[in-house]
Amino acid sequence: MANNINKEANIQEQKLVHDSTIDFKVQSLRNKMLAEWAADIIGYDEAKIKVYIEDVNKADIETPGDDDVIDKIYRDFQKTGHDISRKSIKDKIIELDKSARSEITGKA
């Protein structure tokens, strides 16, 4: 019986690690796509886009949740004269999260 409990715990642990890995990959890809979307609107060139992707990923690491990413992109839009709302950015995050998850998992 203890063996079965250990096996079940091991399976659950493996699933948690797998799910966490998938979530991390999805979030990273989503942030990349989001940064590319924002950079395109702002008008950044190729070199600046690469740096911007890193900046968006750094912003996401600072605090849990998407608010830090939304705030960063919103401020960048404001600085460059683009009137795009936080809600529009959040909607884009939701859209890109679905796309990234589909791309990573192979499931639509």
Protein backbone atom coordinates (compact mmCIF):
# COMPACT_ATOMS: atom_id res chain seq x y z
CA MET A 1 0.00 0.00 0.00
CA ALA A 2 2.82 2.42 0.85
CA ASN A 3 4.34 1.57 -2.53
CA ASN A 4 1.13 2.63 -4.31
CA ILE A 5 1.03 5.90 -2.37
CA ASN A 6 4.66 6.59 -3.31
CA LYS A 7 3.95 5.80 -6.98
CA GLU A 8 0.91 8.09 -6.98
CA ALA A 9 2.88 10.89 -5.31
CA ASN A 10 5.68 10.44 -7.84
CA ILE A 11 3.22 10.59 -10.75
CA GLN A 12 1.63 13.75 -9.36
CA GLU A 13 5.06 15.33 -8.86
CA GLN A 14 6.07 14.50 -12.44
CA LYS A 15 2.82 15.99 -13.75
CA LEU A 16 3.37 19.16 -11.72
CA VAL A 17 6.90 19.53 -13.08
CA HIS A 18 5.66 18.89 -16.63
CA ASP A 19 2.79 21.39 -16.29
CA SER A 20 5.11 24.01 -14.78
CA THR A 21 7.56 23.55 -17.64
CA ILE A 22 4.78 23.91 -20.21
CA ASP A 23 3.45 27.03 -18.46
CA PHE A 24 6.93 28.59 -18.43
CA LYS A 25 7.44 27.88 -22.14
CA VAL A 26 3.98 29.25 -22.98
CA GLN A 27 4.58 32.41 -20.97
CA SER A 28 8.00 32.95 -22.57
CA LEU A 29 6.64 32.50 -26.09
CA ARG A 30 3.61 34.66 -25.31
CA ASN A 31 5.86 37.44 -24.01
CA LYS A 32 8.01 37.21 -27.13
CA MET A 33 4.97 37.49 -29.40
CA LEU A 34 3.55 40.32 -27.27
CA ALA A 35 6.83 42.23 -27.39
CA GLU A 36 7.00 41.76 -31.17
CA TRP A 37 3.41 43.03 -31.51
CA ALA A 38 4.13 46.11 -29.38
CA ALA A 39 7.49 46.76 -31.03
CA ASP A 40 5.85 46.65 -34.46
CA ILE A 41 3.29 49.26 -33.39
CA ILE A 42 6.02 51.44 -31.85
CA GLY A 43 8.15 51.07 -34.97
CA TYR A 44 11.28 49.45 -33.57
CA ASP A 45 13.87 47.99 -35.94
CA GLU A 46 15.13 44.38 -35.76
CA ALA A 47 17.92 45.12 -33.29
CA LYS A 48 15.65 47.07 -30.97
CA ILE A 49 12.97 44.34 -31.16
CA LYS A 50 15.41 41.77 -29.78
CA VAL A 51 16.28 44.05 -26.86
CA TYR A 52 12.60 44.85 -26.31
CA ILE A 53 11.73 41.14 -26.07
CA GLU A 54 14.32 40.82 -23.28
CA ASP A 55 12.93 43.91 -21.56
CA VAL A 56 9.38 42.53 -21.59
CA ASN A 57 10.58 39.19 -20.20
CA LYS A 58 12.49 40.99 -17.44
CA ALA A 59 9.36 42.98 -16.57
CA ASP A 60 7.40 39.75 -16.29
CA ILE A 61 9.88 38.26 -13.83
CA GLU A 62 9.69 41.22 -11.45
CA THR A 63 6.25 40.43 -9.99
CA PRO A 64 3.76 37.58 -10.42
CA GLY A 65 0.93 38.10 -12.88
CA ASP A 66 0.63 40.12 -16.06
CA ASP A 67 0.22 43.60 -14.57
CA ASP A 68 3.93 44.41 -14.77
CA VAL A 69 4.03 43.47 -18.46
CA ILE A 70 0.86 45.43 -19.19
CA ASP A 71 2.23 48.47 -17.34
CA LYS A 72 5.55 48.33 -19.18
CA ILE A 73 4.00 48.07 -22.63
CA TYR A 74 1.36 50.69 -21.79
CA ARG A 75 4.07 53.14 -20.66
CA ASP A 76 6.09 52.43 -23.80
CA PHE A 77 3.03 53.09 -25.97
CA GLN A 78 2.36 56.34 -24.10
CA LYS A 79 6.00 57.48 -24.45
CA THR A 80 5.87 56.92 -28.20
CA GLY A 81 2.49 58.61 -28.73
CA HIS A 82 0.35 55.49 -29.19
CA ASP A 83 -3.03 55.63 -27.49
CA ILE A 84 -3.55 51.93 -26.76
CA SER A 85 -5.44 51.03 -23.59
CA ARG A 86 -4.40 48.61 -20.89
CA LYS A 87 -7.52 46.60 -21.77
CA SER A 88 -6.33 46.27 -25.38
CA ILE A 89 -2.97 45.02 -24.15
CA LYS A 90 -4.68 42.55 -21.77
CA ASP A 91 -6.90 41.33 -24.63
CA LYS A 92 -3.79 40.82 -26.76
CA ILE A 93 -2.15 38.87 -23.92
CA ILE A 94 -5.18 36.55 -23.75
CA GLU A 95 -5.12 36.04 -27.51
CA LEU A 96 -1.38 35.39 -27.64
CA ASP A 97 -1.50 33.11 -24.60
CA LYS A 98 -3.91 30.85 -26.49
CA SER A 99 -1.70 30.93 -29.58
CA ALA A 100 1.45 30.20 -27.59
CA ARG A 101 -0.20 27.34 -25.67
CA SER A 102 -1.41 25.84 -28.94
CA GLU A 103 2.05 26.14 -30.48
CA ILE A 104 3.83 24.63 -27.45
CA THR A 105 1.39 21.79 -26.79
CA GLY A 106 0.30 21.16 -30.36
CA LYS A 107 -3.33 21.44 -29.24
CA ALA A 108 -5.72 24.04 -30.62
